[in-house]
């Protein structure tokens, strides 16, 4: 029974030490200001829109190229 009580005391001490160290580390953290968050959000939104348009154009281009290849193959082999 004494061993169980000692184990519980050790775990309780470990938990309190963890909480104490976590609080100390959180005091060292610097959080971004509201303006920083707004600025990075705008940058992310602009990048998402840019890459969405870019990928749309690339997709349309590849579709056009592949349809041209299929048309040419059909034309070529239909003549045989």
Protein backbone atom coordinates (compact mmCIF):
# COMPACT_ATOMS: atom_id res chain seq x y z
CA UNK A 1 0.00 0.00 0.00
CA UNK A 2 2.87 2.36 0.79
CA UNK A 3 4.28 1.78 -2.68
CA UNK A 4 0.99 2.81 -4.29
CA UNK A 5 0.84 6.01 -2.23
CA UNK A 6 4.45 6.84 -3.15
CA UNK A 7 3.73 6.27 -6.86
CA UNK A 8 0.68 8.56 -6.71
CA UNK A 9 2.73 11.27 -4.98
CA UNK A 10 5.43 11.02 -7.66
CA UNK A 11 2.89 11.29 -10.47
CA UNK A 12 1.17 14.21 -8.77
CA UNK A 13 4.53 15.99 -8.51
CA UNK A 14 5.24 15.28 -12.17
CA UNK A 15 1.91 16.74 -13.25
CA UNK A 16 2.38 19.90 -11.20
CA UNK A 17 5.91 20.28 -12.57
CA UNK A 18 4.57 19.87 -16.11
CA UNK A 19 1.91 22.55 -15.54
CA UNK A 20 4.49 24.91 -14.02
CA UNK A 21 6.92 24.43 -16.92
CA UNK A 22 4.11 24.86 -19.44
CA UNK A 23 3.13 28.20 -17.91
CA UNK A 24 6.76 29.35 -17.99
CA UNK A 25 7.07 28.45 -21.67
CA UNK A 26 3.77 30.15 -22.55
CA UNK A 27 5.12 33.40 -21.08
CA UNK A 28 7.97 33.23 -23.61
CA UNK A 29 5.60 32.94 -26.58
CA UNK A 30 4.96 36.04 -28.67
CA UNK A 31 1.64 36.13 -30.48
CA UNK A 32 1.14 38.10 -33.72
CA UNK A 33 -0.77 41.34 -33.66
CA UNK A 34 -4.16 41.72 -35.32
CA UNK A 35 -2.56 43.65 -38.19
CA UNK A 36 -0.05 40.84 -38.78
CA UNK A 37 -2.86 38.29 -38.89
CA UNK A 38 -4.87 40.42 -41.33
CA UNK A 39 -1.84 40.94 -43.55
CA UNK A 40 -0.95 37.27 -43.76
CA UNK A 41 -4.60 36.35 -44.31
CA UNK A 42 -4.79 38.71 -47.28
CA UNK A 43 -1.58 37.23 -48.70
CA UNK A 44 -2.94 33.70 -48.33
CA UNK A 45 -6.25 34.60 -50.01
CA UNK A 46 -4.46 36.30 -52.92
CA UNK A 47 -2.19 33.27 -53.36
CA UNK A 48 -5.12 30.84 -53.29
CA UNK A 49 -6.96 32.85 -55.95
CA UNK A 50 -3.81 33.14 -58.10
CA UNK A 51 -3.02 29.42 -57.97
CA UNK A 52 -6.66 28.47 -58.55
CA UNK A 53 -6.72 30.56 -61.74
CA UNK A 54 -3.29 29.28 -62.76
CA UNK A 55 -4.30 25.64 -62.32
CA UNK A 56 -7.58 26.25 -64.14
CA UNK A 57 -5.68 27.65 -67.12
CA UNK A 58 -3.17 24.80 -67.10
CA UNK A 59 -6.03 22.29 -66.92
CA UNK A 60 -7.82 23.93 -69.85
CA UNK A 61 -4.58 24.00 -71.85
CA UNK A 62 -3.91 20.29 -71.26
CA UNK A 63 -7.51 19.48 -72.14
CA UNK A 64 -7.15 21.38 -75.42
CA UNK A 65 -3.81 19.67 -76.20
CA UNK A 66 -5.10 16.17 -75.41
CA UNK A 67 -8.29 16.68 -77.41
CA UNK A 68 -6.11 17.79 -80.32
CA UNK A 69 -4.00 14.66 -80.03
CA UNK A 70 -7.12 12.46 -79.90
CA UNK A 71 -8.59 14.27 -82.92
CA UNK A 72 -5.33 13.81 -84.85
CA UNK A 73 -5.11 10.11 -83.97
CA UNK A 74 -8.73 9.59 -85.04
CA UNK A 75 -8.06 11.43 -88.29
CA UNK A 76 -4.85 9.50 -88.90
CA UNK A 77 -6.22 6.02 -88.18
CA UNK A 78 -9.63 6.64 -89.74
CA UNK A 79 -7.86 7.18 -93.05
CA UNK A 80 -6.32 3.71 -92.90
